[in-house]
Amino acid sequence: MSLTLRTALGCTEAVIDDDGGLKRFYLIADILKTDLDVAFTDKEDDFDAINWNFSFGKHLLTLCYSIYNGVSLFPTRLNEASRRANEAVVELANVLEGKLMSIDMRKTA
């Protein structure tokens, strides 16, 4: 797992785990809910992708699972995302990366 930032969607997308499966997606969703007190406001589950929207501060973000791209995080408004929403993605992705690394290290110890 390594955090990758990209802008192909017209906003900042943080790929949290490009090999992540559904189990990893639900682990990240649980970290958001439990540790960061996030409430998911809209959940869209499709055949090959899951998109769950939530507020982080004043920003609307999306946690995404795709069978093609793994687990990522991006502003829900994509091309219309503000600079601060893009910064929020990076900030939150770094927090999640730290928490995931801690969990992974406990599993291997």
N, C-alpha and C. Protein backbone atom coordinates (compact mmCIF):
# COMPACT_ATOMS: atom_id res chain seq x y z
N MET A 1 0.83 -1.18 0.00
CA MET A 1 0.00 0.00 0.00
C MET A 1 0.87 1.23 0.00
N SER A 2 0.60 2.15 -0.92
CA SER A 2 1.25 3.45 -0.89
C SER A 2 0.28 4.47 -1.45
N LEU A 3 0.27 5.61 -0.84
CA LEU A 3 -0.63 6.68 -1.24
C LEU A 3 -0.14 7.29 -2.55
N THR A 4 -1.05 7.42 -3.51
CA THR A 4 -0.75 8.04 -4.80
C THR A 4 -1.76 9.15 -5.04
N LEU A 5 -1.27 10.31 -5.43
CA LEU A 5 -2.16 11.42 -5.78
C LEU A 5 -2.19 11.57 -7.28
N ARG A 6 -3.38 11.76 -7.84
CA ARG A 6 -3.50 12.00 -9.28
C ARG A 6 -4.63 12.98 -9.54
N THR A 7 -4.65 13.55 -10.73
CA THR A 7 -5.62 14.59 -11.06
C THR A 7 -6.41 14.29 -12.34
N ALA A 8 -6.46 13.06 -12.75
CA ALA A 8 -7.13 12.69 -14.00
C ALA A 8 -8.63 12.99 -13.98
N LEU A 9 -9.24 13.05 -12.80
CA LEU A 9 -10.67 13.31 -12.69
C LEU A 9 -11.00 14.80 -12.75
N GLY A 10 -9.97 15.65 -12.79
CA GLY A 10 -10.20 17.09 -12.76
C GLY A 10 -10.14 17.65 -11.35
N CYS A 11 -9.78 16.82 -10.41
CA CYS A 11 -9.62 17.19 -9.01
C CYS A 11 -8.51 16.32 -8.45
N THR A 12 -8.22 16.49 -7.17
CA THR A 12 -7.21 15.64 -6.55
C THR A 12 -7.87 14.33 -6.10
N GLU A 13 -7.37 13.24 -6.61
CA GLU A 13 -7.82 11.91 -6.19
C GLU A 13 -6.66 11.26 -5.45
N ALA A 14 -6.92 10.81 -4.25
CA ALA A 14 -5.92 10.10 -3.46
C ALA A 14 -6.21 8.62 -3.55
N VAL A 15 -5.34 7.88 -4.21
CA VAL A 15 -5.49 6.43 -4.29
C VAL A 15 -4.84 5.88 -3.02
N ILE A 16 -5.67 5.41 -2.11
CA ILE A 16 -5.19 4.97 -0.80
C ILE A 16 -4.59 3.58 -0.88
N ASP A 17 -5.21 2.73 -1.69
CA ASP A 17 -4.71 1.36 -1.83
C ASP A 17 -5.11 0.85 -3.20
N ASP A 18 -4.16 0.84 -4.15
CA ASP A 18 -4.51 0.45 -5.52
C ASP A 18 -4.75 -1.05 -5.66
N ASP A 19 -4.32 -1.84 -4.68
CA ASP A 19 -4.61 -3.28 -4.69
C ASP A 19 -5.74 -3.64 -3.73
N GLY A 20 -6.33 -2.64 -3.12
CA GLY A 20 -7.33 -2.88 -2.07
C GLY A 20 -8.60 -3.50 -2.61
N GLY A 21 -9.11 -4.45 -1.87
CA GLY A 21 -10.37 -5.08 -2.21
C GLY A 21 -11.49 -4.55 -1.34
N LEU A 22 -12.61 -5.24 -1.37
CA LEU A 22 -13.76 -4.82 -0.58
C LEU A 22 -13.46 -4.80 0.91
N LYS A 23 -12.69 -5.77 1.38
CA LYS A 23 -12.36 -5.82 2.80
C LYS A 23 -11.61 -4.55 3.21
N ARG A 24 -10.69 -4.09 2.37
CA ARG A 24 -9.92 -2.88 2.66
C ARG A 24 -10.83 -1.66 2.61
N PHE A 25 -11.74 -1.61 1.64
CA PHE A 25 -12.69 -0.50 1.55
C PHE A 25 -13.50 -0.39 2.84
N TYR A 26 -14.03 -1.51 3.31
CA TYR A 26 -14.85 -1.48 4.53
C TYR A 26 -14.02 -1.15 5.76
N LEU A 27 -12.75 -1.55 5.78
CA LEU A 27 -11.86 -1.18 6.88
C LEU A 27 -11.67 0.34 6.90
N ILE A 28 -11.43 0.93 5.75
CA ILE A 28 -11.25 2.38 5.66
C ILE A 28 -12.54 3.11 6.03
N ALA A 29 -13.66 2.61 5.57
CA ALA A 29 -14.95 3.21 5.93
C ALA A 29 -15.17 3.14 7.44
N ASP A 30 -14.77 2.04 8.05
CA ASP A 30 -14.91 1.90 9.50
C ASP A 30 -13.99 2.87 10.24
N ILE A 31 -12.77 3.06 9.76
CA ILE A 31 -11.86 4.04 10.36
C ILE A 31 -12.47 5.44 10.27
N LEU A 32 -13.01 5.78 9.13
CA LEU A 32 -13.65 7.09 8.97
C LEU A 32 -14.80 7.25 9.96
N LYS A 33 -15.62 6.24 10.07
CA LYS A 33 -16.79 6.31 10.94
C LYS A 33 -16.40 6.31 12.42
N THR A 34 -15.53 5.40 12.81
CA THR A 34 -15.21 5.21 14.22
C THR A 34 -14.20 6.24 14.74
N ASP A 35 -13.10 6.39 14.03
CA ASP A 35 -12.02 7.25 14.51
C ASP A 35 -12.23 8.73 14.18
N LEU A 36 -12.87 9.01 13.07
CA LEU A 36 -13.00 10.40 12.62
C LEU A 36 -14.43 10.91 12.65
N ASP A 37 -15.34 10.12 13.20
CA ASP A 37 -16.74 10.51 13.40
C ASP A 37 -17.43 10.97 12.11
N VAL A 38 -17.14 10.27 11.02
CA VAL A 38 -17.74 10.58 9.73
C VAL A 38 -19.07 9.85 9.61
N ALA A 39 -20.05 10.54 9.06
CA ALA A 39 -21.35 9.92 8.76
C ALA A 39 -21.51 9.90 7.24
N PHE A 40 -21.71 8.75 6.69
CA PHE A 40 -21.90 8.63 5.24
C PHE A 40 -23.31 9.08 4.90
N THR A 41 -23.42 9.99 3.93
CA THR A 41 -24.70 10.61 3.61
C THR A 41 -25.37 10.01 2.38
N ASP A 42 -24.59 9.40 1.54
CA ASP A 42 -25.14 8.84 0.31
C ASP A 42 -24.27 7.65 -0.09
N LYS A 43 -24.89 6.51 -0.29
CA LYS A 43 -24.15 5.31 -0.65
C LYS A 43 -24.66 4.76 -1.97
N GLU A 44 -23.73 4.59 -2.90
CA GLU A 44 -24.06 4.04 -4.21
C GLU A 44 -23.21 2.79 -4.43
N ASP A 45 -23.86 1.66 -4.49
CA ASP A 45 -23.16 0.39 -4.68
C ASP A 45 -23.54 -0.18 -6.04
N ASP A 46 -22.55 -0.25 -6.93
CA ASP A 46 -22.76 -0.81 -8.26
C ASP A 46 -22.01 -2.12 -8.39
N PHE A 47 -22.11 -2.73 -9.54
CA PHE A 47 -21.45 -4.01 -9.81
C PHE A 47 -19.94 -3.93 -9.63
N ASP A 48 -19.32 -2.90 -10.20
CA ASP A 48 -17.86 -2.81 -10.19
C ASP A 48 -17.31 -1.63 -9.40
N ALA A 49 -18.18 -0.88 -8.72
CA ALA A 49 -17.72 0.27 -7.94
C ALA A 49 -18.68 0.58 -6.80
N ILE A 50 -18.11 1.14 -5.73
CA ILE A 50 -18.89 1.62 -4.59
C ILE A 50 -18.45 3.04 -4.33
N ASN A 51 -19.40 3.95 -4.20
CA ASN A 51 -19.10 5.35 -3.88
C ASN A 51 -19.93 5.76 -2.68
N TRP A 52 -19.25 6.15 -1.62
CA TRP A 52 -19.92 6.62 -0.40
C TRP A 52 -19.50 8.05 -0.14
N ASN A 53 -20.48 8.95 -0.08
CA ASN A 53 -20.22 10.37 0.15
C ASN A 53 -20.29 10.68 1.63
N PHE A 54 -19.52 11.69 2.04
CA PHE A 54 -19.54 12.13 3.44
C PHE A 54 -18.98 13.54 3.52
N SER A 55 -19.25 14.20 4.63
CA SER A 55 -18.70 15.53 4.88
C SER A 55 -17.47 15.40 5.74
N PHE A 56 -16.45 16.15 5.37
CA PHE A 56 -15.22 16.24 6.16
C PHE A 56 -14.96 17.73 6.33
N GLY A 57 -15.26 18.23 7.51
CA GLY A 57 -15.25 19.68 7.70
C GLY A 57 -16.36 20.26 6.85
N LYS A 58 -16.01 21.23 6.02
CA LYS A 58 -16.99 21.87 5.15
C LYS A 58 -17.01 21.26 3.75
N HIS A 59 -16.30 20.16 3.57
CA HIS A 59 -16.12 19.60 2.23
C HIS A 59 -16.85 18.28 2.06
N LEU A 60 -17.47 18.12 0.91
CA LEU A 60 -18.14 16.87 0.57
C LEU A 60 -17.15 16.01 -0.21
N LEU A 61 -16.84 14.84 0.36
CA LEU A 61 -15.86 13.93 -0.25
C LEU A 61 -16.51 12.59 -0.55
N THR A 62 -15.84 11.78 -1.37
CA THR A 62 -16.33 10.46 -1.74
C THR A 62 -15.24 9.43 -1.49
N LEU A 63 -15.60 8.37 -0.78
CA LEU A 63 -14.74 7.20 -0.64
C LEU A 63 -15.20 6.23 -1.72
N CYS A 64 -14.26 5.77 -2.53
CA CYS A 64 -14.61 4.95 -3.68
C CYS A 64 -13.85 3.63 -3.67
N TYR A 65 -14.54 2.57 -4.02
CA TYR A 65 -13.90 1.28 -4.30
C TYR A 65 -14.21 0.94 -5.74
N SER A 66 -13.18 0.57 -6.48
CA SER A 66 -13.34 0.15 -7.87
C SER A 66 -12.54 -1.13 -8.06
N ILE A 67 -13.11 -2.10 -8.75
CA ILE A 67 -12.37 -3.34 -8.99
C ILE A 67 -11.16 -3.06 -9.88
N TYR A 68 -11.17 -1.94 -10.58
CA TYR A 68 -10.07 -1.60 -11.48
C TYR A 68 -8.98 -0.76 -10.81
N ASN A 69 -9.38 0.12 -9.87
CA ASN A 69 -8.45 1.10 -9.31
C ASN A 69 -8.23 0.99 -7.81
N GLY A 70 -8.88 0.07 -7.13
CA GLY A 70 -8.72 -0.07 -5.69
C GLY A 70 -9.55 0.93 -4.92
N VAL A 71 -8.99 1.43 -3.81
CA VAL A 71 -9.72 2.33 -2.91
C VAL A 71 -9.15 3.73 -3.05
N SER A 72 -10.03 4.70 -3.28
CA SER A 72 -9.57 6.08 -3.43
C SER A 72 -10.54 7.04 -2.75
N LEU A 73 -10.07 8.27 -2.69
CA LEU A 73 -10.81 9.34 -2.03
C LEU A 73 -10.71 10.57 -2.93
N PHE A 74 -11.83 11.28 -3.13
CA PHE A 74 -11.81 12.48 -3.97
C PHE A 74 -12.98 13.38 -3.61
N PRO A 75 -12.91 14.67 -4.02
CA PRO A 75 -14.04 15.56 -3.78
C PRO A 75 -15.24 15.09 -4.60
N THR A 76 -16.39 15.11 -4.01
CA THR A 76 -17.60 14.64 -4.68
C THR A 76 -17.92 15.47 -5.91
N ARG A 77 -17.59 16.75 -5.88
CA ARG A 77 -17.94 17.64 -7.00
C ARG A 77 -16.95 17.56 -8.15
N LEU A 78 -15.94 16.71 -8.06
CA LEU A 78 -14.95 16.48 -9.11
C LEU A 78 -14.41 17.76 -9.73
N ASN A 79 -14.79 18.07 -10.98
CA ASN A 79 -14.24 19.23 -11.70
C ASN A 79 -14.56 20.56 -11.02
N GLU A 80 -15.62 20.60 -10.25
CA GLU A 80 -16.02 21.84 -9.59
C GLU A 80 -15.47 21.94 -8.17
N ALA A 81 -14.59 21.05 -7.79
CA ALA A 81 -14.05 21.04 -6.43
C ALA A 81 -13.18 22.27 -6.19
N SER A 82 -13.31 22.81 -5.00
CA SER A 82 -12.48 23.96 -4.64
C SER A 82 -11.07 23.51 -4.30
N ARG A 83 -10.17 24.45 -4.26
CA ARG A 83 -8.79 24.16 -3.88
C ARG A 83 -8.76 23.57 -2.47
N ARG A 84 -9.58 24.10 -1.59
CA ARG A 84 -9.60 23.61 -0.21
C ARG A 84 -10.17 22.20 -0.11
N ALA A 85 -11.12 21.86 -0.96
CA ALA A 85 -11.64 20.48 -0.97
C ALA A 85 -10.55 19.52 -1.42
N ASN A 86 -9.77 19.93 -2.41
CA ASN A 86 -8.65 19.11 -2.87
C ASN A 86 -7.61 18.94 -1.77
N GLU A 87 -7.35 20.02 -1.03
CA GLU A 87 -6.40 19.95 0.10
C GLU A 87 -6.94 19.03 1.20
N ALA A 88 -8.26 19.05 1.42
CA ALA A 88 -8.88 18.19 2.43
C ALA A 88 -8.68 16.72 2.06
N VAL A 89 -8.75 16.41 0.78
CA VAL A 89 -8.52 15.03 0.32
C VAL A 89 -7.12 14.58 0.70
N VAL A 90 -6.13 15.41 0.43
CA VAL A 90 -4.75 15.07 0.73
C VAL A 90 -4.56 14.91 2.24
N GLU A 91 -5.10 15.84 3.01
CA GLU A 91 -4.99 15.78 4.47
C GLU A 91 -5.60 14.49 5.02
N LEU A 92 -6.81 14.20 4.60
CA LEU A 92 -7.49 13.00 5.10
C LEU A 92 -6.80 11.73 4.63
N ALA A 93 -6.33 11.71 3.40
CA ALA A 93 -5.63 10.53 2.88
C ALA A 93 -4.37 10.25 3.69
N ASN A 94 -3.65 11.29 4.08
CA ASN A 94 -2.45 11.10 4.90
C ASN A 94 -2.80 10.53 6.27
N VAL A 95 -3.88 11.00 6.86
CA VAL A 95 -4.33 10.46 8.15
C VAL A 95 -4.70 8.98 8.00
N LEU A 96 -5.44 8.67 6.95
CA LEU A 96 -5.85 7.28 6.72
C LEU A 96 -4.64 6.38 6.46
N GLU A 97 -3.69 6.88 5.70
CA GLU A 97 -2.50 6.09 5.42
C GLU A 97 -1.77 5.74 6.71
N GLY A 98 -1.64 6.71 7.61
CA GLY A 98 -1.00 6.44 8.90
C GLY A 98 -1.74 5.41 9.71
N LYS A 99 -3.05 5.51 9.76
CA LYS A 99 -3.85 4.56 10.52
C LYS A 99 -3.77 3.16 9.91
N LEU A 100 -3.79 3.08 8.59
CA LEU A 100 -3.70 1.78 7.92
C LEU A 100 -2.33 1.14 8.13
N MET A 101 -1.29 1.96 8.08
CA MET A 101 0.05 1.42 8.31
C MET A 101 0.17 0.85 9.73
N SER A 102 -0.42 1.54 10.69
CA SER A 102 -0.40 1.07 12.07
C SER A 102 -1.14 -0.26 12.20
N ILE A 103 -2.28 -0.37 11.56
CA ILE A 103 -3.06 -1.62 11.58
C ILE A 103 -2.28 -2.73 10.91
N ASP A 104 -1.67 -2.45 9.76
CA ASP A 104 -0.91 -3.46 9.03
C ASP A 104 0.30 -3.94 9.83
N MET A 105 0.95 -3.01 10.52
CA MET A 105 2.12 -3.40 11.32
C MET A 105 1.73 -4.30 12.49
N ARG A 106 0.55 -4.02 13.09
CA ARG A 106 0.09 -4.88 14.19
C ARG A 106 -0.22 -6.30 13.70
N LYS A 107 -0.70 -6.41 12.47
CA LYS A 107 -1.03 -7.72 11.92
C LYS A 107 0.21 -8.56 11.65
N THR A 108 1.31 -7.90 11.29
CA THR A 108 2.53 -8.64 10.96
C THR A 108 3.42 -8.86 12.18
N ALA A 109 3.12 -8.20 13.27
CA ALA A 109 3.96 -8.35 14.47
C ALA A 109 3.61 -9.59 15.26
